[in-house]
Amino acid sequence: LQMNSLKPEDTAVYYCNANVIVPILTTTHDYWGQGTQVTVS
């Protein structure tokens, strides 16, 4: 995620998400990162 022209309102914890296919069940599952802090000030 390339973030340009950042604003103070962009300040937040940003979380990565991956929607992964589960082969046996032929469905999907969401995984999440722990988050990374972005502060614009």
PDB file of all heavy atoms in Angstrom:
ATOM      1  N   LEU A   1       0.852  -1.179   0.000  1.00  0.00           N
ATOM      2  CA  LEU A   1       0.000   0.000   0.000  1.00  0.00           C
ATOM      3  C   LEU A   1       0.888   1.228   0.000  1.00  0.00           C
ATOM      4  O   LEU A   1       1.517   1.541   1.015  1.00  0.00           O
ATOM      5  CB  LEU A   1      -0.932   0.017   1.213  1.00  0.00           C
ATOM      6  CG  LEU A   1      -1.946   1.160   1.232  1.00  0.00           C
ATOM      7  CD1 LEU A   1      -2.966   0.993   0.108  1.00  0.00           C
ATOM      8  CD2 LEU A   1      -2.652   1.241   2.579  1.00  0.00           C
ATOM      9  N   GLN A   2       0.950   1.903  -1.143  1.00  0.00           N
ATOM     10  CA  GLN A   2       1.689   3.146  -1.259  1.00  0.00           C
ATOM     11  C   GLN A   2       0.769   4.285  -0.860  1.00  0.00           C
ATOM     12  O   GLN A   2      -0.272   4.491  -1.483  1.00  0.00           O
ATOM     13  CB  GLN A   2       2.204   3.343  -2.683  1.00  0.00           C
ATOM     14  CG  GLN A   2       2.967   4.636  -2.903  1.00  0.00           C
ATOM     15  CD  GLN A   2       4.269   4.686  -2.139  1.00  0.00           C
ATOM     16  OE1 GLN A   2       5.033   3.724  -2.161  1.00  0.00           O
ATOM     17  NE2 GLN A   2       4.529   5.795  -1.462  1.00  0.00           N
ATOM     18  N   MET A   3       1.142   5.031   0.156  1.00  0.00           N
ATOM     19  CA  MET A   3       0.324   6.105   0.692  1.00  0.00           C
ATOM     20  C   MET A   3       1.041   7.431   0.468  1.00  0.00           C
ATOM     21  O   MET A   3       2.106   7.668   1.043  1.00  0.00           O
ATOM     22  CB  MET A   3       0.042   5.893   2.182  1.00  0.00           C
ATOM     23  CG  MET A   3      -0.602   4.548   2.496  1.00  0.00           C
ATOM     24  SD  MET A   3      -1.086   4.384   4.233  1.00  0.00           S
ATOM     25  CE  MET A   3       0.533   4.421   5.011  1.00  0.00           C
ATOM     26  N   ASN A   4       0.457   8.277  -0.360  1.00  0.00           N
ATOM     27  CA  ASN A   4       1.001   9.593  -0.657  1.00  0.00           C
ATOM     28  C   ASN A   4       0.063  10.679  -0.158  1.00  0.00           C
ATOM     29  O   ASN A   4      -1.112  10.440   0.099  1.00  0.00           O
ATOM     30  CB  ASN A   4       1.228   9.754  -2.162  1.00  0.00           C
ATOM     31  CG  ASN A   4       2.227   8.775  -2.723  1.00  0.00           C
ATOM     32  OD1 ASN A   4       3.187   8.392  -2.059  1.00  0.00           O
ATOM     33  ND2 ASN A   4       2.013   8.360  -3.973  1.00  0.00           N
ATOM     34  N   SER A   5       0.593  11.890  -0.052  1.00  0.00           N
ATOM     35  CA  SER A   5      -0.198  13.043   0.379  1.00  0.00           C
ATOM     36  C   SER A   5      -0.969  12.741   1.654  1.00  0.00           C
ATOM     37  O   SER A   5      -2.168  13.007   1.770  1.00  0.00           O
ATOM     38  CB  SER A   5      -1.151  13.480  -0.739  1.00  0.00           C
ATOM     39  OG  SER A   5      -0.448  13.803  -1.921  1.00  0.00           O
ATOM     40  N   LEU A   6      -0.281  12.199   2.621  1.00  0.00           N
ATOM     41  CA  LEU A   6      -0.929  11.766   3.854  1.00  0.00           C
ATOM     42  C   LEU A   6      -1.494  12.947   4.635  1.00  0.00           C
ATOM     43  O   LEU A   6      -0.912  14.037   4.663  1.00  0.00           O
ATOM     44  CB  LEU A   6       0.054  10.987   4.718  1.00  0.00           C
ATOM     45  CG  LEU A   6       0.315   9.551   4.243  1.00  0.00           C
ATOM     46  CD1 LEU A   6       1.577   8.991   4.870  1.00  0.00           C
ATOM     47  CD2 LEU A   6      -0.881   8.662   4.584  1.00  0.00           C
ATOM     48  N   LYS A   7      -2.632  12.705   5.261  1.00  0.00           N
ATOM     49  CA  LYS A   7      -3.341  13.701   6.049  1.00  0.00           C
ATOM     50  C   LYS A   7      -3.449  13.231   7.498  1.00  0.00           C
ATOM     51  O   LYS A   7      -3.393  12.034   7.765  1.00  0.00           O
ATOM     52  CB  LYS A   7      -4.742  13.922   5.481  1.00  0.00           C
ATOM     53  CG  LYS A   7      -4.784  14.319   4.018  1.00  0.00           C
ATOM     54  CD  LYS A   7      -6.219  14.396   3.518  1.00  0.00           C
ATOM     55  CE  LYS A   7      -6.276  14.772   2.053  1.00  0.00           C
ATOM     56  NZ  LYS A   7      -7.675  14.843   1.555  1.00  0.00           N
ATOM     57  N   PRO A   8      -3.622  14.161   8.433  1.00  0.00           N
ATOM     58  CA  PRO A   8      -3.794  13.747   9.827  1.00  0.00           C
ATOM     59  C   PRO A   8      -4.930  12.753  10.031  1.00  0.00           C
ATOM     60  O   PRO A   8      -4.826  11.878  10.901  1.00  0.00           O
ATOM     61  CB  PRO A   8      -4.070  15.073  10.552  1.00  0.00           C
ATOM     62  CG  PRO A   8      -3.357  16.085   9.728  1.00  0.00           C
ATOM     63  CD  PRO A   8      -3.526  15.623   8.304  1.00  0.00           C
ATOM     64  N   GLU A   9      -5.987  12.866   9.246  1.00  0.00           N
ATOM     65  CA  GLU A   9      -7.110  11.947   9.384  1.00  0.00           C
ATOM     66  C   GLU A   9      -6.792  10.533   8.910  1.00  0.00           C
ATOM     67  O   GLU A   9      -7.604   9.624   9.087  1.00  0.00           O
ATOM     68  CB  GLU A   9      -8.350  12.476   8.652  1.00  0.00           C
ATOM     69  CG  GLU A   9      -8.082  12.895   7.223  1.00  0.00           C
ATOM     70  CD  GLU A   9      -7.859  14.388   7.084  1.00  0.00           C
ATOM     71  OE1 GLU A   9      -7.128  14.963   7.917  1.00  0.00           O
ATOM     72  OE2 GLU A   9      -8.423  14.992   6.145  1.00  0.00           O
ATOM     73  N   ASP A  10      -5.635  10.336   8.297  1.00  0.00           N
ATOM     74  CA  ASP A  10      -5.184   8.995   7.947  1.00  0.00           C
ATOM     75  C   ASP A  10      -4.579   8.258   9.134  1.00  0.00           C
ATOM     76  O   ASP A  10      -4.277   7.061   9.029  1.00  0.00           O
ATOM     77  CB  ASP A  10      -4.156   9.043   6.814  1.00  0.00           C
ATOM     78  CG  ASP A  10      -4.744   9.549   5.512  1.00  0.00           C
ATOM     79  OD1 ASP A  10      -5.877   9.159   5.170  1.00  0.00           O
ATOM     80  OD2 ASP A  10      -4.060  10.339   4.824  1.00  0.00           O
ATOM     81  N   THR A  11      -4.381   8.951  10.235  1.00  0.00           N
ATOM     82  CA  THR A  11      -3.798   8.334  11.417  1.00  0.00           C
ATOM     83  C   THR A  11      -4.689   7.208  11.925  1.00  0.00           C
ATOM     84  O   THR A  11      -5.866   7.411  12.196  1.00  0.00           O
ATOM     85  CB  THR A  11      -3.587   9.379  12.520  1.00  0.00           C
ATOM     86  OG1 THR A  11      -2.652  10.360  12.079  1.00  0.00           O
ATOM     87  CG2 THR A  11      -3.062   8.725  13.790  1.00  0.00           C
ATOM     88  N   ALA A  12      -4.115   6.022  12.050  1.00  0.00           N
ATOM     89  CA  ALA A  12      -4.863   4.847  12.476  1.00  0.00           C
ATOM     90  C   ALA A  12      -3.914   3.667  12.574  1.00  0.00           C
ATOM     91  O   ALA A  12      -2.756   3.748  12.167  1.00  0.00           O
ATOM     92  CB  ALA A  12      -5.992   4.526  11.493  1.00  0.00           C
ATOM     93  N   VAL A  13      -4.422   2.576  13.120  1.00  0.00           N
ATOM     94  CA  VAL A  13      -3.734   1.305  13.026  1.00  0.00           C
ATOM     95  C   VAL A  13      -4.198   0.634  11.745  1.00  0.00           C
ATOM     96  O   VAL A  13      -5.400   0.473  11.523  1.00  0.00           O
ATOM     97  CB  VAL A  13      -4.013   0.404  14.239  1.00  0.00           C
ATOM     98  CG1 VAL A  13      -3.330  -0.951  14.072  1.00  0.00           C
ATOM     99  CG2 VAL A  13      -3.544   1.076  15.521  1.00  0.00           C
ATOM    100  N   TYR A  14      -3.258   0.247  10.913  1.00  0.00           N
ATOM    101  CA  TYR A  14      -3.565  -0.367   9.636  1.00  0.00           C
ATOM    102  C   TYR A  14      -3.359  -1.871   9.728  1.00  0.00           C
ATOM    103  O   TYR A  14      -2.311  -2.342  10.178  1.00  0.00           O
ATOM    104  CB  TYR A  14      -2.682   0.217   8.530  1.00  0.00           C
ATOM    105  CG  TYR A  14      -3.116   1.595   8.100  1.00  0.00           C
ATOM    106  CD1 TYR A  14      -2.970   2.684   8.949  1.00  0.00           C
ATOM    107  CD2 TYR A  14      -3.686   1.806   6.841  1.00  0.00           C
ATOM    108  CE1 TYR A  14      -3.384   3.947   8.569  1.00  0.00           C
ATOM    109  CE2 TYR A  14      -4.091   3.067   6.450  1.00  0.00           C
ATOM    110  CZ  TYR A  14      -3.939   4.131   7.314  1.00  0.00           C
ATOM    111  OH  TYR A  14      -4.344   5.391   6.928  1.00  0.00           O
ATOM    112  N   TYR A  15      -4.364  -2.629   9.285  1.00  0.00           N
ATOM    113  CA  TYR A  15      -4.356  -4.078   9.368  1.00  0.00           C
ATOM    114  C   TYR A  15      -4.364  -4.692   7.976  1.00  0.00           C
ATOM    115  O   TYR A  15      -5.177  -4.305   7.128  1.00  0.00           O
ATOM    116  CB  TYR A  15      -5.576  -4.593  10.135  1.00  0.00           C
ATOM    117  CG  TYR A  15      -5.644  -4.154  11.579  1.00  0.00           C
ATOM    118  CD1 TYR A  15      -6.313  -2.996  11.937  1.00  0.00           C
ATOM    119  CD2 TYR A  15      -5.046  -4.910  12.582  1.00  0.00           C
ATOM    120  CE1 TYR A  15      -6.382  -2.592  13.255  1.00  0.00           C
ATOM    121  CE2 TYR A  15      -5.112  -4.515  13.899  1.00  0.00           C
ATOM    122  CZ  TYR A  15      -5.783  -3.358  14.234  1.00  0.00           C
ATOM    123  OH  TYR A  15      -5.857  -2.962  15.550  1.00  0.00           O
ATOM    124  N   CYS A  16      -3.503  -5.654   7.772  1.00  0.00           N
ATOM    125  CA  CYS A  16      -3.490  -6.421   6.539  1.00  0.00           C
ATOM    126  C   CYS A  16      -4.492  -7.558   6.639  1.00  0.00           C
ATOM    127  O   CYS A  16      -4.647  -8.179   7.698  1.00  0.00           O
ATOM    128  CB  CYS A  16      -2.089  -6.971   6.283  1.00  0.00           C
ATOM    129  SG  CYS A  16      -1.943  -7.991   4.801  1.00  0.00           S
ATOM    130  N   ASN A  17      -5.166  -7.827   5.542  1.00  0.00           N
ATOM    131  CA  ASN A  17      -6.136  -8.916   5.470  1.00  0.00           C
ATOM    132  C   ASN A  17      -5.856  -9.781   4.254  1.00  0.00           C
ATOM    133  O   ASN A  17      -5.522  -9.275   3.184  1.00  0.00           O
ATOM    134  CB  ASN A  17      -7.557  -8.359   5.390  1.00  0.00           C
ATOM    135  CG  ASN A  17      -8.581  -9.422   5.021  1.00  0.00           C
ATOM    136  OD1 ASN A  17      -8.918  -9.600   3.853  1.00  0.00           O
ATOM    137  ND2 ASN A  17      -9.073 -10.132   6.030  1.00  0.00           N
ATOM    138  N   ALA A  18      -5.998 -11.087   4.433  1.00  0.00           N
ATOM    139  CA  ALA A  18      -5.886 -12.025   3.327  1.00  0.00           C
ATOM    140  C   ALA A  18      -7.083 -12.952   3.343  1.00  0.00           C
ATOM    141  O   ALA A  18      -7.378 -13.574   4.365  1.00  0.00           O
ATOM    142  CB  ALA A  18      -4.594 -12.829   3.408  1.00  0.00           C
ATOM    143  N   ASN A  19      -7.771 -13.025   2.233  1.00  0.00           N
ATOM    144  CA  ASN A  19      -8.887 -13.951   2.060  1.00  0.00           C
ATOM    145  C   ASN A  19      -8.354 -15.169   1.333  1.00  0.00           C
ATOM    146  O   ASN A  19      -8.040 -15.108   0.149  1.00  0.00           O
ATOM    147  CB  ASN A  19     -10.019 -13.272   1.288  1.00  0.00           C
ATOM    148  CG  ASN A  19     -11.248 -14.136   1.176  1.00  0.00           C
ATOM    149  OD1 ASN A  19     -11.579 -14.636   0.106  1.00  0.00           O
ATOM    150  ND2 ASN A  19     -11.946 -14.322   2.289  1.00  0.00           N
ATOM    151  N   VAL A  20      -8.251 -16.279   2.071  1.00  0.00           N
ATOM    152  CA  VAL A  20      -7.539 -17.459   1.595  1.00  0.00           C
ATOM    153  C   VAL A  20      -8.520 -18.592   1.307  1.00  0.00           C
ATOM    154  O   VAL A  20      -9.437 -18.849   2.094  1.00  0.00           O
ATOM    155  CB  VAL A  20      -6.502 -17.925   2.625  1.00  0.00           C
ATOM    156  CG1 VAL A  20      -5.778 -19.175   2.147  1.00  0.00           C
ATOM    157  CG2 VAL A  20      -5.506 -16.809   2.896  1.00  0.00           C
ATOM    158  N   ILE A  21      -8.308 -19.258   0.199  1.00  0.00           N
ATOM    159  CA  ILE A  21      -9.124 -20.418  -0.155  1.00  0.00           C
ATOM    160  C   ILE A  21      -8.726 -21.616   0.698  1.00  0.00           C
ATOM    161  O   ILE A  21      -7.545 -21.924   0.853  1.00  0.00           O
ATOM    162  CB  ILE A  21      -8.972 -20.757  -1.650  1.00  0.00           C
ATOM    163  CG1 ILE A  21      -9.528 -19.624  -2.510  1.00  0.00           C
ATOM    164  CG2 ILE A  21      -9.678 -22.066  -1.976  1.00  0.00           C
ATOM    165  CD1 ILE A  21      -9.312 -19.829  -3.995  1.00  0.00           C
ATOM    166  N   VAL A  22      -9.719 -22.306   1.261  1.00  0.00           N
ATOM    167  CA  VAL A  22      -9.518 -23.551   1.987  1.00  0.00           C
ATOM    168  C   VAL A  22      -9.843 -24.688   1.030  1.00  0.00           C
ATOM    169  O   VAL A  22     -11.010 -24.897   0.703  1.00  0.00           O
ATOM    170  CB  VAL A  22     -10.397 -23.630   3.238  1.00  0.00           C
ATOM    171  CG1 VAL A  22     -10.119 -24.924   3.992  1.00  0.00           C
ATOM    172  CG2 VAL A  22     -10.157 -22.431   4.132  1.00  0.00           C
ATOM    173  N   PRO A  23      -8.851 -25.437   0.580  1.00  0.00           N
ATOM    174  CA  PRO A  23      -9.076 -26.371  -0.548  1.00  0.00           C
ATOM    175  C   PRO A  23     -10.047 -27.500  -0.253  1.00  0.00           C
ATOM    176  O   PRO A  23     -10.874 -27.831  -1.099  1.00  0.00           O
ATOM    177  CB  PRO A  23      -7.669 -26.902  -0.846  1.00  0.00           C
ATOM    178  CG  PRO A  23      -6.904 -26.702   0.420  1.00  0.00           C
ATOM    179  CD  PRO A  23      -7.448 -25.439   1.015  1.00  0.00           C
ATOM    180  N   ILE A  24      -9.960 -28.125   0.923  1.00  0.00           N
ATOM    181  CA  ILE A  24     -10.806 -29.282   1.202  1.00  0.00           C
ATOM    182  C   ILE A  24     -12.268 -28.869   1.350  1.00  0.00           C
ATOM    183  O   ILE A  24     -13.174 -29.545   0.847  1.00  0.00           O
ATOM    184  CB  ILE A  24     -10.319 -30.020   2.467  1.00  0.00           C
ATOM    185  CG1 ILE A  24      -8.918 -30.580   2.240  1.00  0.00           C
ATOM    186  CG2 ILE A  24     -11.287 -31.141   2.832  1.00  0.00           C
ATOM    187  CD1 ILE A  24      -8.332 -31.261   3.454  1.00  0.00           C
ATOM    188  N   LEU A  25     -12.503 -27.785   2.031  1.00  0.00           N
ATOM    189  CA  LEU A  25     -13.858 -27.317   2.282  1.00  0.00           C
ATOM    190  C   LEU A  25     -14.404 -26.480   1.133  1.00  0.00           C
ATOM    191  O   LEU A  25     -15.595 -26.153   1.143  1.00  0.00           O
ATOM    192  CB  LEU A  25     -13.903 -26.504   3.570  1.00  0.00           C
ATOM    193  CG  LEU A  25     -13.496 -27.241   4.842  1.00  0.00           C
ATOM    194  CD1 LEU A  25     -13.567 -26.302   6.040  1.00  0.00           C
ATOM    195  CD2 LEU A  25     -14.386 -28.450   5.082  1.00  0.00           C
ATOM    196  N   THR A  26     -13.558 -26.135   0.184  1.00  0.00           N
ATOM    197  CA  THR A  26     -13.936 -25.281  -0.940  1.00  0.00           C
ATOM    198  C   THR A  26     -14.645 -24.021  -0.459  1.00  0.00           C
ATOM    199  O   THR A  26     -15.691 -23.625  -0.987  1.00  0.00           O
ATOM    200  CB  THR A  26     -14.801 -26.037  -1.966  1.00  0.00           C
ATOM    201  OG1 THR A  26     -16.028 -26.458  -1.363  1.00  0.00           O
ATOM    202  CG2 THR A  26     -14.051 -27.243  -2.512  1.00  0.00           C
ATOM    203  N   THR A  27     -14.073 -23.413   0.546  1.00  0.00           N
ATOM    204  CA  THR A  27     -14.584 -22.159   1.062  1.00  0.00           C
ATOM    205  C   THR A  27     -13.390 -21.233   1.295  1.00  0.00           C
ATOM    206  O   THR A  27     -12.286 -21.509   0.826  1.00  0.00           O
ATOM    207  CB  THR A  27     -15.384 -22.386   2.357  1.00  0.00           C
ATOM    208  OG1 THR A  27     -15.965 -21.160   2.788  1.00  0.00           O
ATOM    209  CG2 THR A  27     -14.482 -22.946   3.456  1.00  0.00           C
ATOM    210  N   THR A  28     -13.599 -20.129   1.991  1.00  0.00           N
ATOM    211  CA  THR A  28     -12.533 -19.174   2.246  1.00  0.00           C
ATOM    212  C   THR A  28     -12.459 -18.834   3.724  1.00  0.00           C
ATOM    213  O   THR A  28     -13.411 -19.056   4.481  1.00  0.00           O
ATOM    214  CB  THR A  28     -12.719 -17.877   1.439  1.00  0.00           C
ATOM    215  OG1 THR A  28     -13.947 -17.252   1.819  1.00  0.00           O
ATOM    216  CG2 THR A  28     -12.734 -18.174  -0.054  1.00  0.00           C
ATOM    217  N   HIS A  29     -11.319 -18.288   4.122  1.00  0.00           N
ATOM    218  CA  HIS A  29     -11.111 -17.866   5.492  1.00  0.00           C
ATOM    219  C   HIS A  29     -10.281 -16.599   5.499  1.00  0.00           C
ATOM    220  O   HIS A  29      -9.333 -16.464   4.726  1.00  0.00           O
ATOM    221  CB  HIS A  29     -10.405 -18.965   6.297  1.00  0.00           C
ATOM    222  CG  HIS A  29     -10.317 -18.685   7.754  1.00  0.00           C
ATOM    223  ND1 HIS A  29      -9.304 -17.920   8.301  1.00  0.00           N
ATOM    224  CD2 HIS A  29     -11.104 -19.047   8.787  1.00  0.00           C
ATOM    225  CE1 HIS A  29      -9.477 -17.828   9.599  1.00  0.00           C
ATOM    226  NE2 HIS A  29     -10.558 -18.509   9.920  1.00  0.00           N
ATOM    227  N   ASP A  30     -10.651 -15.672   6.364  1.00  0.00           N
ATOM    228  CA  ASP A  30      -9.938 -14.406   6.483  1.00  0.00           C
ATOM    229  C   ASP A  30      -8.879 -14.471   7.574  1.00  0.00           C
ATOM    230  O   ASP A  30      -9.145 -14.905   8.698  1.00  0.00           O
ATOM    231  CB  ASP A  30     -10.905 -13.265   6.789  1.00  0.00           C
ATOM    232  CG  ASP A  30     -11.695 -12.832   5.574  1.00  0.00           C
ATOM    233  OD1 ASP A  30     -11.072 -12.519   4.542  1.00  0.00           O
ATOM    234  OD2 ASP A  30     -12.941 -12.805   5.661  1.00  0.00           O
ATOM    235  N   TYR A  31      -7.671 -14.022   7.237  1.00  0.00           N
ATOM    236  CA  TYR A  31      -6.579 -13.898   8.190  1.00  0.00           C
ATOM    237  C   TYR A  31      -6.201 -12.434   8.315  1.00  0.00           C
ATOM    238  O   TYR A  31      -6.322 -11.656   7.356  1.00  0.00           O
ATOM    239  CB  TYR A  31      -5.368 -14.714   7.748  1.00  0.00           C
ATOM    240  CG  TYR A  31      -5.591 -16.206   7.803  1.00  0.00           C
ATOM    241  CD1 TYR A  31      -6.115 -16.889   6.714  1.00  0.00           C
ATOM    242  CD2 TYR A  31      -5.282 -16.935   8.950  1.00  0.00           C
ATOM    243  CE1 TYR A  31      -6.331 -18.258   6.767  1.00  0.00           C
ATOM    244  CE2 TYR A  31      -5.490 -18.300   9.003  1.00  0.00           C
ATOM    245  CZ  TYR A  31      -6.017 -18.954   7.906  1.00  0.00           C
ATOM    246  OH  TYR A  31      -6.225 -20.319   7.966  1.00  0.00           O
ATOM    247  N   TRP A  32      -5.711 -12.080   9.506  1.00  0.00           N
ATOM    248  CA  TRP A  32      -5.399 -10.696   9.811  1.00  0.00           C
ATOM    249  C   TRP A  32      -4.004 -10.551  10.389  1.00  0.00           C
ATOM    250  O   TRP A  32      -3.539 -11.393  11.157  1.00  0.00           O
ATOM    251  CB  TRP A  32      -6.402 -10.124  10.826  1.00  0.00           C
ATOM    252  CG  TRP A  32      -7.801 -10.078  10.304  1.00  0.00           C
ATOM    253  CD1 TRP A  32      -8.747 -11.052  10.394  1.00  0.00           C
ATOM    254  CD2 TRP A  32      -8.415  -8.991   9.603  1.00  0.00           C
ATOM    255  NE1 TRP A  32      -9.919 -10.632   9.791  1.00  0.00           N
ATOM    256  CE2 TRP A  32      -9.738  -9.381   9.305  1.00  0.00           C
ATOM    257  CE3 TRP A  32      -7.971  -7.728   9.211  1.00  0.00           C
ATOM    258  CZ2 TRP A  32     -10.621  -8.538   8.622  1.00  0.00           C
ATOM    259  CZ3 TRP A  32      -8.838  -6.898   8.534  1.00  0.00           C
ATOM    260  CH2 TRP A  32     -10.152  -7.305   8.252  1.00  0.00           C
ATOM    261  N   GLY A  33      -3.345  -9.468  10.017  1.00  0.00           N
ATOM    262  CA  GLY A  33      -2.102  -9.113  10.654  1.00  0.00           C
ATOM    263  C   GLY A  33      -2.347  -8.460  11.997  1.00  0.00           C
ATOM    264  O   GLY A  33      -3.484  -8.153  12.372  1.00  0.00           O
ATOM    265  N   GLN A  34      -1.280  -8.241  12.751  1.00  0.00           N
ATOM    266  CA  GLN A  34      -1.399  -7.642  14.074  1.00  0.00           C
ATOM    267  C   GLN A  34      -1.634  -6.142  14.021  1.00  0.00           C
ATOM    268  O   GLN A  34      -2.051  -5.549  15.014  1.00  0.00           O
ATOM    269  CB  GLN A  34      -0.157  -7.942  14.905  1.00  0.00           C
ATOM    270  CG  GLN A  34      -0.002  -9.411  15.280  1.00  0.00           C
ATOM    271  CD  GLN A  34       1.165  -9.651  16.209  1.00  0.00           C
ATOM    272  OE1 GLN A  34       2.005  -8.778  16.415  1.00  0.00           O
ATOM    273  NE2 GLN A  34       1.222 -10.844  16.781  1.00  0.00           N
ATOM    274  N   GLY A  35      -1.372  -5.526  12.898  1.00  0.00           N
ATOM    275  CA  GLY A  35      -1.572  -4.104  12.737  1.00  0.00           C
ATOM    276  C   GLY A  35      -0.280  -3.325  12.862  1.00  0.00           C
ATOM    277  O   GLY A  35       0.628  -3.713  13.593  1.00  0.00           O
ATOM    278  N   THR A  36      -0.206  -2.223  12.145  1.00  0.00           N
ATOM    279  CA  THR A  36       0.941  -1.329  12.217  1.00  0.00           C
ATOM    280  C   THR A  36       0.437   0.105  12.332  1.00  0.00           C
ATOM    281  O   THR A  36      -0.484   0.509  11.626  1.00  0.00           O
ATOM    282  CB  THR A  36       1.867  -1.503  10.995  1.00  0.00           C
ATOM    283  OG1 THR A  36       3.015  -0.665  11.132  1.00  0.00           O
ATOM    284  CG2 THR A  36       1.148  -1.179   9.691  1.00  0.00           C
ATOM    285  N   GLN A  37       1.033   0.867  13.233  1.00  0.00           N
ATOM    286  CA  GLN A  37       0.581   2.221  13.509  1.00  0.00           C
ATOM    287  C   GLN A  37       1.089   3.191  12.459  1.00  0.00           C
ATOM    288  O   GLN A  37       2.282   3.225  12.148  1.00  0.00           O
ATOM    289  CB  GLN A  37       1.056   2.672  14.893  1.00  0.00           C
ATOM    290  CG  GLN A  37       0.680   4.102  15.253  1.00  0.00           C
ATOM    291  CD  GLN A  37      -0.804   4.263  15.506  1.00  0.00           C
ATOM    292  OE1 GLN A  37      -1.406   3.471  16.231  1.00  0.00           O
ATOM    293  NE2 GLN A  37      -1.406   5.284  14.909  1.00  0.00           N
ATOM    294  N   VAL A  38       0.177   3.985  11.923  1.00  0.00           N
ATOM    295  CA  VAL A  38       0.515   5.088  11.028  1.00  0.00           C
ATOM    296  C   VAL A  38       0.049   6.374  11.689  1.00  0.00           C
ATOM    297  O   VAL A  38      -1.134   6.522  11.994  1.00  0.00           O
ATOM    298  CB  VAL A  38      -0.141   4.932   9.649  1.00  0.00           C
ATOM    299  CG1 VAL A  38       0.073   6.189   8.808  1.00  0.00           C
ATOM    300  CG2 VAL A  38       0.416   3.710   8.935  1.00  0.00           C
ATOM    301  N   THR A  39       0.971   7.288  11.920  1.00  0.00           N
ATOM    302  CA  THR A  39       0.656   8.562  12.543  1.00  0.00           C
ATOM    303  C   THR A  39       1.099   9.687  11.627  1.00  0.00           C
ATOM    304  O   THR A  39       2.263   9.749  11.228  1.00  0.00           O
ATOM    305  CB  THR A  39       1.349   8.698  13.907  1.00  0.00           C
ATOM    306  OG1 THR A  39       0.945   7.625  14.764  1.00  0.00           O
ATOM    307  CG2 THR A  39       0.978  10.017  14.563  1.00  0.00           C
ATOM    308  N   VAL A  40       0.172  10.577  11.300  1.00  0.00           N
ATOM    309  CA  VAL A  40       0.444  11.722  10.439  1.00  0.00           C
ATOM    310  C   VAL A  40       0.259  12.975  11.284  1.00  0.00           C
ATOM    311  O   VAL A  40      -0.861  13.314  11.668  1.00  0.00           O
ATOM    312  CB  VAL A  40      -0.477  11.753   9.216  1.00  0.00           C
ATOM    313  CG1 VAL A  40      -0.080  12.897   8.293  1.00  0.00           C
ATOM    314  CG2 VAL A  40      -0.425  10.420   8.483  1.00  0.00           C
ATOM    315  N   SER A  41       1.347  13.655  11.564  1.00  0.00           N
ATOM    316  CA  SER A  41       1.306  14.800  12.465  1.00  0.00           C
ATOM    317  C   SER A  41       2.479  15.717  12.199  1.00  0.00           C
ATOM    318  O   SER A  41       3.555  15.283  11.777  1.00  0.00           O
ATOM    319  CB  SER A  41       1.331  14.338  13.926  1.00  0.00           C
ATOM    320  OG  SER A  41       1.377  15.441  14.817  1.00  0.00           O
TER     321      SER A  41
END
